């Protein structure tokens, strides 16, 4: 996303900030705290807090496209999933479509020119829409970069699905195979990111009970998949503690502007 916005930052730098954000989001009681840490530190790195905000906001929004896309394509290509009990397939499709509809609505609203300066001057949800507007403007100028952003999003979300698959395999739940995880983990991930509970606890397990239960998995094993996956996330996120404690101290030395990206004018647009 930073590349699409005209900033080149070393992968190592971004990885450190990502680990710090994961630590804050998954270990500390602050669901969006990780995003705040990343925005603050990336803003110092690139010397542009508005673009840092935009990169994190748009990265989040790619999940609203990739997750429903993976789920809907898998369900459409697998007739055996079309008539599951508990209305599991209908619920999954509904969650996917709501996420896609929300994404379309946000893009349509944020694309309006009145949000051009909001990322730098507004606060709260107006600043968030302004940041999304910056990203949309940048993508309009460099449409070829969209494919790279989406490809990265697909790789990340498929890795998440594989993590669930490996957890189910380790727990000896054969009903949860690759197709099941690709179809039903995405709507569960969408639901667990809602501001309900802590770290998605309860929401994730409820989703697995509904979806995997429709495939014949007993409730206890479905809950176990969710809880073990959460523990794995906690352990992995704890690796970000040093990054959170000691990272984010270097400034723009780690980044350089993209020579193909024009400077902004006074109203927040690029020349």
C-alpha atoms as a PDB file:
ATOM      1  CA  UNK A   1       0.000   0.000   0.000  1.00  0.00           C
ATOM      2  CA  UNK A   2       2.842   2.407   0.746  1.00  0.00           C
ATOM      3  CA  UNK A   3       4.311   1.684  -2.674  1.00  0.00           C
ATOM      4  CA  UNK A   4       0.934   2.458  -4.254  1.00  0.00           C
ATOM      5  CA  UNK A   5       0.939   5.755  -2.353  1.00  0.00           C
ATOM      6  CA  UNK A   6       4.403   6.653  -3.677  1.00  0.00           C
ATOM      7  CA  UNK A   7       6.621   5.635  -0.748  1.00  0.00           C
ATOM      8  CA  UNK A   8       9.374   3.059  -0.752  1.00  0.00           C
ATOM      9  CA  UNK A   9      10.120   1.577   2.645  1.00  0.00           C
ATOM     10  CA  UNK A  10      12.394  -1.376   3.332  1.00  0.00           C
ATOM     11  CA  UNK A  11      10.632  -4.671   3.999  1.00  0.00           C
ATOM     12  CA  UNK A  12      12.574  -5.160   7.218  1.00  0.00           C
ATOM     13  CA  UNK A  13      11.302  -1.854   8.571  1.00  0.00           C
ATOM     14  CA  UNK A  14       7.710  -2.705   7.713  1.00  0.00           C
ATOM     15  CA  UNK A  15       8.056  -6.178   9.214  1.00  0.00           C
ATOM     16  CA  UNK A  16       9.225  -4.737  12.528  1.00  0.00           C
ATOM     17  CA  UNK A  17       6.299  -2.300  12.634  1.00  0.00           C
ATOM     18  CA  UNK A  18       3.881  -5.087  11.674  1.00  0.00           C
ATOM     19  CA  UNK A  19       5.139  -7.244  14.552  1.00  0.00           C
ATOM     20  CA  UNK A  20       4.749  -4.317  16.958  1.00  0.00           C
ATOM     21  CA  UNK A  21       1.189  -3.779  15.747  1.00  0.00           C
ATOM     22  CA  UNK A  22       0.349  -7.472  16.134  1.00  0.00           C
ATOM     23  CA  UNK A  23       1.674  -7.426  19.686  1.00  0.00           C
ATOM     24  CA  UNK A  24      -0.484  -4.450  20.663  1.00  0.00           C
ATOM     25  CA  UNK A  25      -3.630  -5.734  18.894  1.00  0.00           C
ATOM     26  CA  UNK A  26      -3.490  -9.326  20.127  1.00  0.00           C
ATOM     27  CA  UNK A  27      -1.696  -9.160  23.494  1.00  0.00           C
ATOM     28  CA  UNK A  28      -2.710  -5.817  24.942  1.00  0.00           C
ATOM     29  CA  UNK A  29      -6.412  -4.932  25.473  1.00  0.00           C
ATOM     30  CA  UNK A  30      -6.623  -2.599  22.473  1.00  0.00           C
ATOM     31  CA  UNK A  31      -8.226  -3.990  19.315  1.00  0.00           C
ATOM     32  CA  UNK A  32      -7.208  -1.062  17.100  1.00  0.00           C
ATOM     33  CA  UNK A  33      -4.132  -0.125  19.114  1.00  0.00           C
ATOM     34  CA  UNK A  34      -1.884  -1.982  16.696  1.00  0.00           C
ATOM     35  CA  UNK A  35      -3.094   0.159  13.810  1.00  0.00           C
ATOM     36  CA  UNK A  36      -2.463   3.311  15.823  1.00  0.00           C
ATOM     37  CA  UNK A  37       1.100   2.189  16.558  1.00  0.00           C
ATOM     38  CA  UNK A  38       1.748   1.416  12.902  1.00  0.00           C
ATOM     39  CA  UNK A  39       0.298   4.719  11.711  1.00  0.00           C
ATOM     40  CA  UNK A  40       2.332   6.712  14.215  1.00  0.00           C
ATOM     41  CA  UNK A  41       5.618   4.971  13.454  1.00  0.00           C
ATOM     42  CA  UNK A  42       5.158   4.798   9.686  1.00  0.00           C
ATOM     43  CA  UNK A  43       4.208   8.475   9.701  1.00  0.00           C
ATOM     44  CA  UNK A  44       7.605   9.285  11.211  1.00  0.00           C
ATOM     45  CA  UNK A  45       9.384   6.911   8.820  1.00  0.00           C
ATOM     46  CA  UNK A  46       7.968   8.440   5.636  1.00  0.00           C
ATOM     47  CA  UNK A  47       7.427  11.962   6.960  1.00  0.00           C
ATOM     48  CA  UNK A  48       3.737  11.882   5.985  1.00  0.00           C
ATOM     49  CA  UNK A  49       1.222  10.831   8.625  1.00  0.00           C
ATOM     50  CA  UNK A  50      -1.712  11.160   6.225  1.00  0.00           C
ATOM     51  CA  UNK A  51      -0.234   8.621   3.801  1.00  0.00           C
ATOM     52  CA  UNK A  52       0.703   6.344   6.702  1.00  0.00           C
ATOM     53  CA  UNK A  53      -2.919   6.477   7.859  1.00  0.00           C
ATOM     54  CA  UNK A  54      -4.087   5.788   4.297  1.00  0.00           C
ATOM     55  CA  UNK A  55      -1.785   2.782   3.868  1.00  0.00           C
ATOM     56  CA  UNK A  56      -3.088   1.089   7.028  1.00  0.00           C
ATOM     57  CA  UNK A  57      -6.737   1.942   6.300  1.00  0.00           C
ATOM     58  CA  UNK A  58      -6.536   0.621   2.744  1.00  0.00           C
ATOM     59  CA  UNK A  59      -4.658  -2.480   3.818  1.00  0.00           C
ATOM     60  CA  UNK A  60      -7.550  -3.229   6.161  1.00  0.00           C
ATOM     61  CA  UNK A  61     -10.051  -2.656   3.371  1.00  0.00           C
ATOM     62  CA  UNK A  62      -8.329  -5.146   1.068  1.00  0.00           C
ATOM     63  CA  UNK A  63      -9.557  -7.824   3.481  1.00  0.00           C
ATOM     64  CA  UNK A  64     -13.129  -6.756   2.716  1.00  0.00           C
ATOM     65  CA  UNK A  65     -12.464  -7.669  -0.917  1.00  0.00           C
ATOM     66  CA  UNK A  66     -10.171 -10.686  -0.609  1.00  0.00           C
ATOM     67  CA  UNK A  67     -11.936 -12.557   2.203  1.00  0.00           C
ATOM     68  CA  UNK A  68     -15.424 -12.540   0.632  1.00  0.00           C
ATOM     69  CA  UNK A  69     -13.896 -13.269  -2.771  1.00  0.00           C
ATOM     70  CA  UNK A  70     -12.103 -16.391  -1.536  1.00  0.00           C
ATOM     71  CA  UNK A  71     -15.213 -17.630   0.271  1.00  0.00           C
ATOM     72  CA  UNK A  72     -17.712 -16.964  -2.520  1.00  0.00           C
ATOM     73  CA  UNK A  73     -15.531 -18.498  -5.234  1.00  0.00           C
ATOM     74  CA  UNK A  74     -14.910 -21.617  -3.134  1.00  0.00           C
ATOM     75  CA  UNK A  75     -18.606 -22.058  -2.333  1.00  0.00           C
ATOM     76  CA  UNK A  76     -19.611 -21.483  -5.962  1.00  0.00           C
ATOM     77  CA  UNK A  77     -17.098 -24.081  -7.170  1.00  0.00           C
ATOM     78  CA  UNK A  78     -18.113 -26.716  -4.584  1.00  0.00           C
ATOM     79  CA  UNK A  79     -21.677 -28.034  -5.083  1.00  0.00           C
ATOM     80  CA  UNK A  80     -21.437 -30.174  -1.929  1.00  0.00           C
ATOM     81  CA  UNK A  81     -21.427 -26.974   0.146  1.00  0.00           C
ATOM     82  CA  UNK A  82     -24.608 -25.544  -1.364  1.00  0.00           C
ATOM     83  CA  UNK A  83     -27.146 -27.315   0.870  1.00  0.00           C
ATOM     84  CA  UNK A  84     -25.572 -27.729   4.282  1.00  0.00           C
ATOM     85  CA  UNK A  85     -27.648 -27.947   7.490  1.00  0.00           C
ATOM     86  CA  UNK A  86     -28.009 -25.051   9.937  1.00  0.00           C
ATOM     87  CA  UNK A  87     -28.268 -22.686   6.940  1.00  0.00           C
ATOM     88  CA  UNK A  88     -24.470 -22.468   7.194  1.00  0.00           C
ATOM     89  CA  UNK A  89     -23.889 -21.711   3.525  1.00  0.00           C
ATOM     90  CA  UNK A  90     -26.587 -19.023   3.458  1.00  0.00           C
ATOM     91  CA  UNK A  91     -25.063 -17.328   6.512  1.00  0.00           C
ATOM     92  CA  UNK A  92     -21.570 -17.441   4.994  1.00  0.00           C
ATOM     93  CA  UNK A  93     -22.766 -15.964   1.700  1.00  0.00           C
ATOM     94  CA  UNK A  94     -24.732 -13.267   3.527  1.00  0.00           C
ATOM     95  CA  UNK A  95     -21.691 -12.220   5.579  1.00  0.00           C
ATOM     96  CA  UNK A  96     -19.547 -12.167   2.420  1.00  0.00           C
ATOM     97  CA  UNK A  97     -22.055 -10.037   0.514  1.00  0.00           C
ATOM     98  CA  UNK A  98     -22.491  -7.577   3.399  1.00  0.00           C
ATOM     99  CA  UNK A  99     -18.699  -7.123   3.535  1.00  0.00           C
ATOM    100  CA  UNK A 100     -18.506  -6.530  -0.223  1.00  0.00           C
ATOM    101  CA  UNK A 101     -21.449  -4.125  -0.062  1.00  0.00           C
ATOM    102  CA  UNK A 102     -19.788  -2.207   2.753  1.00  0.00           C
ATOM    103  CA  UNK A 103     -16.566  -1.984   0.756  1.00  0.00           C
ATOM    104  CA  UNK A 104     -18.378  -0.644  -2.311  1.00  0.00           C
ATOM    105  CA  UNK A 105     -20.230   1.934  -0.200  1.00  0.00           C
ATOM    106  CA  UNK A 106     -17.004   3.146   1.431  1.00  0.00           C
ATOM    107  CA  UNK A 107     -15.230   3.456  -1.925  1.00  0.00           C
ATOM    108  CA  UNK A 108     -18.131   5.369  -3.499  1.00  0.00           C
ATOM    109  CA  UNK A 109     -18.303   7.793  -0.572  1.00  0.00           C
ATOM    110  CA  UNK A 110     -14.535   8.213  -0.128  1.00  0.00           C
ATOM    111  CA  UNK A 111     -13.972   8.776  -3.858  1.00  0.00           C
ATOM    112  CA  UNK A 112     -15.729  12.163  -3.665  1.00  0.00           C
ATOM    113  CA  UNK A 113     -13.399  15.150  -4.027  1.00  0.00           C
ATOM    114  CA  UNK A 114     -14.593  16.791  -0.820  1.00  0.00           C
ATOM    115  CA  UNK A 115     -12.463  14.318   1.163  1.00  0.00           C
ATOM    116  CA  UNK A 116      -9.221  15.450  -0.520  1.00  0.00           C
ATOM    117  CA  UNK A 117      -7.868  17.317   2.516  1.00  0.00           C
ATOM    118  CA  UNK A 118      -9.644  15.436   5.294  1.00  0.00           C
ATOM    119  CA  UNK A 119      -6.744  13.038   5.932  1.00  0.00           C
ATOM    120  CA  UNK A 120      -4.539  15.926   7.027  1.00  0.00           C
ATOM    121  CA  UNK A 121      -7.076  18.295   8.593  1.00  0.00           C
ATOM    122  CA  UNK A 122     -10.028  16.291   9.943  1.00  0.00           C
ATOM    123  CA  UNK A 123     -10.360  13.917  12.895  1.00  0.00           C
ATOM    124  CA  UNK A 124     -12.211  10.694  13.619  1.00  0.00           C
ATOM    125  CA  UNK A 125     -14.203   9.021  10.846  1.00  0.00           C
ATOM    126  CA  UNK A 126     -13.750  12.022   8.524  1.00  0.00           C
ATOM    127  CA  UNK A 127     -10.001  11.606   8.697  1.00  0.00           C
ATOM    128  CA  UNK A 128     -10.391   7.902   7.986  1.00  0.00           C
ATOM    129  CA  UNK A 129     -12.481   8.620   4.861  1.00  0.00           C
ATOM    130  CA  UNK A 130      -9.931  11.234   3.807  1.00  0.00           C
ATOM    131  CA  UNK A 131      -7.175   8.658   4.109  1.00  0.00           C
ATOM    132  CA  UNK A 132      -9.132   6.194   1.981  1.00  0.00           C
ATOM    133  CA  UNK A 133      -9.614   8.997  -0.566  1.00  0.00           C
ATOM    134  CA  UNK A 134      -5.836   9.493  -0.778  1.00  0.00           C
ATOM    135  CA  UNK A 135      -5.393   5.813  -1.526  1.00  0.00           C
ATOM    136  CA  UNK A 136      -8.107   5.780  -4.169  1.00  0.00           C
ATOM    137  CA  UNK A 137      -6.536   8.801  -5.867  1.00  0.00           C
ATOM    138  CA  UNK A 138      -3.125   7.151  -5.902  1.00  0.00           C
ATOM    139  CA  UNK A 139      -4.523   3.915  -7.321  1.00  0.00           C
ATOM    140  CA  UNK A 140      -6.290   5.880 -10.057  1.00  0.00           C
ATOM    141  CA  UNK A 141      -2.924   7.281 -11.135  1.00  0.00           C
ATOM    142  CA  UNK A 142      -1.134   3.926 -10.893  1.00  0.00           C
ATOM    143  CA  UNK A 143      -3.759   1.231 -11.625  1.00  0.00           C
ATOM    144  CA  UNK A 144      -1.068  -1.361 -12.270  1.00  0.00           C
ATOM    145  CA  UNK A 145      -0.177  -1.349  -8.583  1.00  0.00           C
ATOM    146  CA  UNK A 146      -3.638  -2.580  -7.626  1.00  0.00           C
ATOM    147  CA  UNK A 147      -2.822  -6.115  -8.757  1.00  0.00           C
ATOM    148  CA  UNK A 148       0.210  -6.236  -6.457  1.00  0.00           C
ATOM    149  CA  UNK A 149      -1.808  -4.994  -3.495  1.00  0.00           C
ATOM    150  CA  UNK A 150      -4.567  -7.552  -4.089  1.00  0.00           C
ATOM    151  CA  UNK A 151      -2.024 -10.341  -4.651  1.00  0.00           C
ATOM    152  CA  UNK A 152      -0.410  -9.546  -1.303  1.00  0.00           C
ATOM    153  CA  UNK A 153      -3.855  -9.547   0.333  1.00  0.00           C
ATOM    154  CA  UNK A 154      -4.711 -12.926  -1.178  1.00  0.00           C
ATOM    155  CA  UNK A 155      -1.399 -14.404  -0.027  1.00  0.00           C
ATOM    156  CA  UNK A 156      -1.965 -13.153   3.523  1.00  0.00           C
ATOM    157  CA  UNK A 157      -5.558 -14.392   3.808  1.00  0.00           C
ATOM    158  CA  UNK A 158      -4.791 -17.781   2.243  1.00  0.00           C
ATOM    159  CA  UNK A 159      -2.003 -18.161   4.810  1.00  0.00           C
ATOM    160  CA  UNK A 160      -4.580 -17.486   7.531  1.00  0.00           C
ATOM    161  CA  UNK A 161      -6.809 -20.202   6.061  1.00  0.00           C
ATOM    162  CA  UNK A 162      -3.878 -22.624   5.980  1.00  0.00           C
ATOM    163  CA  UNK A 163      -3.217 -21.902   9.648  1.00  0.00           C
ATOM    164  CA  UNK A 164      -6.780 -22.966  10.490  1.00  0.00           C
ATOM    165  CA  UNK A 165      -6.388 -26.064   8.302  1.00  0.00           C
ATOM    166  CA  UNK A 166      -3.158 -27.085  10.033  1.00  0.00           C
ATOM    167  CA  UNK A 167      -4.745 -26.509  13.435  1.00  0.00           C
ATOM    168  CA  UNK A 168      -7.668 -28.760  12.510  1.00  0.00           C
ATOM    169  CA  UNK A 169      -5.249 -31.367  11.175  1.00  0.00           C
ATOM    170  CA  UNK A 170      -3.218 -31.284  14.403  1.00  0.00           C
ATOM    171  CA  UNK A 171      -6.432 -31.741  16.405  1.00  0.00           C
ATOM    172  CA  UNK A 172      -7.433 -34.641  14.121  1.00  0.00           C
ATOM    173  CA  UNK A 173     -10.584 -33.092  12.711  1.00  0.00           C
ATOM    174  CA  UNK A 174     -10.657 -34.571   9.189  1.00  0.00           C
ATOM    175  CA  UNK A 175     -13.938 -32.906   8.239  1.00  0.00           C
ATOM    176  CA  UNK A 176     -12.154 -29.542   8.106  1.00  0.00           C
ATOM    177  CA  UNK A 177     -10.172 -29.714   4.888  1.00  0.00           C
ATOM    178  CA  UNK A 178      -8.776 -27.073   2.565  1.00  0.00           C
ATOM    179  CA  UNK A 179     -12.097 -26.425   0.833  1.00  0.00           C
ATOM    180  CA  UNK A 180     -13.908 -26.000   4.152  1.00  0.00           C
ATOM    181  CA  UNK A 181     -11.366 -23.511   5.477  1.00  0.00           C
ATOM    182  CA  UNK A 182     -11.343 -21.478   2.261  1.00  0.00           C
ATOM    183  CA  UNK A 183     -15.156 -21.363   2.267  1.00  0.00           C
ATOM    184  CA  UNK A 184     -15.867 -20.725   5.946  1.00  0.00           C
ATOM    185  CA  UNK A 185     -12.865 -19.152   7.625  1.00  0.00           C
ATOM    186  CA  UNK A 186     -13.243 -15.869   5.651  1.00  0.00           C
ATOM    187  CA  UNK A 187     -16.782 -15.069   6.905  1.00  0.00           C
ATOM    188  CA  UNK A 188     -15.663 -16.048  10.403  1.00  0.00           C
ATOM    189  CA  UNK A 189     -12.664 -13.706  10.106  1.00  0.00           C
ATOM    190  CA  UNK A 190     -14.942 -10.896   8.927  1.00  0.00           C
ATOM    191  CA  UNK A 191     -17.249 -11.388  11.912  1.00  0.00           C
ATOM    192  CA  UNK A 192     -14.451 -11.676  14.479  1.00  0.00           C
ATOM    193  CA  UNK A 193     -13.042  -8.309  13.422  1.00  0.00           C
ATOM    194  CA  UNK A 194     -16.188  -6.578  14.581  1.00  0.00           C
ATOM    195  CA  UNK A 195     -15.705  -4.614  17.837  1.00  0.00           C
ATOM    196  CA  UNK A 196     -17.266  -7.379  19.922  1.00  0.00           C
ATOM    197  CA  UNK A 197     -15.384  -9.071  22.749  1.00  0.00           C
ATOM    198  CA  UNK A 198     -11.615  -9.359  23.093  1.00  0.00           C
ATOM    199  CA  UNK A 199      -9.501 -10.692  20.241  1.00  0.00           C
ATOM    200  CA  UNK A 200     -12.571 -12.180  18.565  1.00  0.00           C
ATOM    201  CA  UNK A 201     -13.050 -14.657  21.418  1.00  0.00           C
ATOM    202  CA  UNK A 202     -16.478 -16.226  21.262  1.00  0.00           C
ATOM    203  CA  UNK A 203     -17.285 -14.824  17.827  1.00  0.00           C
ATOM    204  CA  UNK A 204     -14.639 -16.957  16.126  1.00  0.00           C
ATOM    205  CA  UNK A 205     -15.594 -20.081  18.060  1.00  0.00           C
ATOM    206  CA  UNK A 206     -19.289 -19.483  17.372  1.00  0.00           C
ATOM    207  CA  UNK A 207     -18.549 -19.190  13.668  1.00  0.00           C
ATOM    208  CA  UNK A 208     -16.624 -22.454  13.664  1.00  0.00           C
ATOM    209  CA  UNK A 209     -19.443 -24.201  15.554  1.00  0.00           C
ATOM    210  CA  UNK A 210     -21.935 -23.027  12.943  1.00  0.00           C
ATOM    211  CA  UNK A 211     -19.896 -23.648   9.804  1.00  0.00           C
ATOM    212  CA  UNK A 212     -17.786 -26.647  10.715  1.00  0.00           C
ATOM    213  CA  UNK A 213     -20.682 -28.146  12.677  1.00  0.00           C
ATOM    214  CA  UNK A 214     -22.640 -28.233   9.428  1.00  0.00           C
ATOM    215  CA  UNK A 215     -19.884 -30.469   8.067  1.00  0.00           C
ATOM    216  CA  UNK A 216     -20.242 -32.912  10.945  1.00  0.00           C
ATOM    217  CA  UNK A 217     -17.694 -31.531  13.425  1.00  0.00           C
ATOM    218  CA  UNK A 218     -18.897 -31.802  17.037  1.00  0.00           C
ATOM    219  CA  UNK A 219     -19.183 -28.464  18.823  1.00  0.00           C
ATOM    220  CA  UNK A 220     -16.353 -29.157  21.264  1.00  0.00           C
ATOM    221  CA  UNK A 221     -13.856 -29.782  18.477  1.00  0.00           C
ATOM    222  CA  UNK A 222     -15.010 -26.725  16.549  1.00  0.00           C
ATOM    223  CA  UNK A 223     -14.483 -24.594  19.658  1.00  0.00           C
ATOM    224  CA  UNK A 224     -11.071 -26.224  20.177  1.00  0.00           C
ATOM    225  CA  UNK A 225      -9.972 -25.224  16.670  1.00  0.00           C
ATOM    226  CA  UNK A 226     -10.825 -21.607  17.461  1.00  0.00           C
ATOM    227  CA  UNK A 227      -9.168 -21.562  20.875  1.00  0.00           C
ATOM    228  CA  UNK A 228      -5.978 -23.308  19.755  1.00  0.00           C
ATOM    229  CA  UNK A 229      -5.772 -20.951  16.791  1.00  0.00           C
ATOM    230  CA  UNK A 230      -6.121 -18.015  19.169  1.00  0.00           C
ATOM    231  CA  UNK A 231      -3.318 -19.342  21.375  1.00  0.00           C
ATOM    232  CA  UNK A 232      -1.105 -19.706  18.294  1.00  0.00           C
ATOM    233  CA  UNK A 233      -1.882 -16.092  17.393  1.00  0.00           C
ATOM    234  CA  UNK A 234      -0.985 -14.959  20.920  1.00  0.00           C
ATOM    235  CA  UNK A 235       2.331 -16.841  20.852  1.00  0.00           C
ATOM    236  CA  UNK A 236       3.217 -15.490  17.413  1.00  0.00           C
ATOM    237  CA  UNK A 237       2.197 -11.955  18.375  1.00  0.00           C
ATOM    238  CA  UNK A 238       4.364 -12.058  21.495  1.00  0.00           C
ATOM    239  CA  UNK A 239       7.364 -12.029  19.148  1.00  0.00           C
ATOM    240  CA  UNK A 240       6.455  -8.394  18.499  1.00  0.00           C
ATOM    241  CA  UNK A 241       7.210  -7.319  22.077  1.00  0.00           C
ATOM    242  CA  UNK A 242      10.823  -6.263  21.300  1.00  0.00           C
ATOM    243  CA  UNK A 243       9.643  -4.474  18.155  1.00  0.00           C
ATOM    244  CA  UNK A 244       7.041  -2.585  20.182  1.00  0.00           C
ATOM    245  CA  UNK A 245       9.529  -1.700  22.915  1.00  0.00           C
ATOM    246  CA  UNK A 246      12.512  -0.717  20.785  1.00  0.00           C
ATOM    247  CA  UNK A 247      11.254  -0.129  17.237  1.00  0.00           C
ATOM    248  CA  UNK A 248       9.966   2.996  15.558  1.00  0.00           C
ATOM    249  CA  UNK A 249      12.921   5.218  16.470  1.00  0.00           C
ATOM    250  CA  UNK A 250      14.301   5.818  12.998  1.00  0.00           C
ATOM    251  CA  UNK A 251      12.843   8.423  10.698  1.00  0.00           C
ATOM    252  CA  UNK A 252      12.832   8.838   6.961  1.00  0.00           C
ATOM    253  CA  UNK A 253      16.318   7.327   6.602  1.00  0.00           C
ATOM    254  CA  UNK A 254      14.544   4.016   6.036  1.00  0.00           C
ATOM    255  CA  UNK A 255      12.347   5.326   3.242  1.00  0.00           C
ATOM    256  CA  UNK A 256      12.593   7.229   0.014  1.00  0.00           C
ATOM    257  CA  UNK A 257       9.980   8.898  -2.181  1.00  0.00           C
ATOM    258  CA  UNK A 258       8.914   7.197  -5.361  1.00  0.00           C
ATOM    259  CA  UNK A 259      10.303   9.253  -8.269  1.00  0.00           C
ATOM    260  CA  UNK A 260       7.212   8.392 -10.322  1.00  0.00           C
ATOM    261  CA  UNK A 261       4.937   9.969  -7.737  1.00  0.00           C
ATOM    262  CA  UNK A 262       4.268  13.684  -8.071  1.00  0.00           C
ATOM    263  CA  UNK A 263       4.217  16.038  -5.052  1.00  0.00           C
ATOM    264  CA  UNK A 264       0.980  17.175  -3.516  1.00  0.00           C
ATOM    265  CA  UNK A 265      -0.545  20.560  -4.043  1.00  0.00           C
ATOM    266  CA  UNK A 266      -1.907  22.647  -1.221  1.00  0.00           C
ATOM    267  CA  UNK A 267      -5.351  20.978  -1.331  1.00  0.00           C
ATOM    268  CA  UNK A 268      -3.971  17.532  -0.651  1.00  0.00           C
ATOM    269  CA  UNK A 269      -3.821  16.368  -4.294  1.00  0.00           C
ATOM    270  CA  UNK A 270      -0.663  15.467  -6.153  1.00  0.00           C
ATOM    271  CA  UNK A 271       0.461  17.699  -8.998  1.00  0.00           C
END
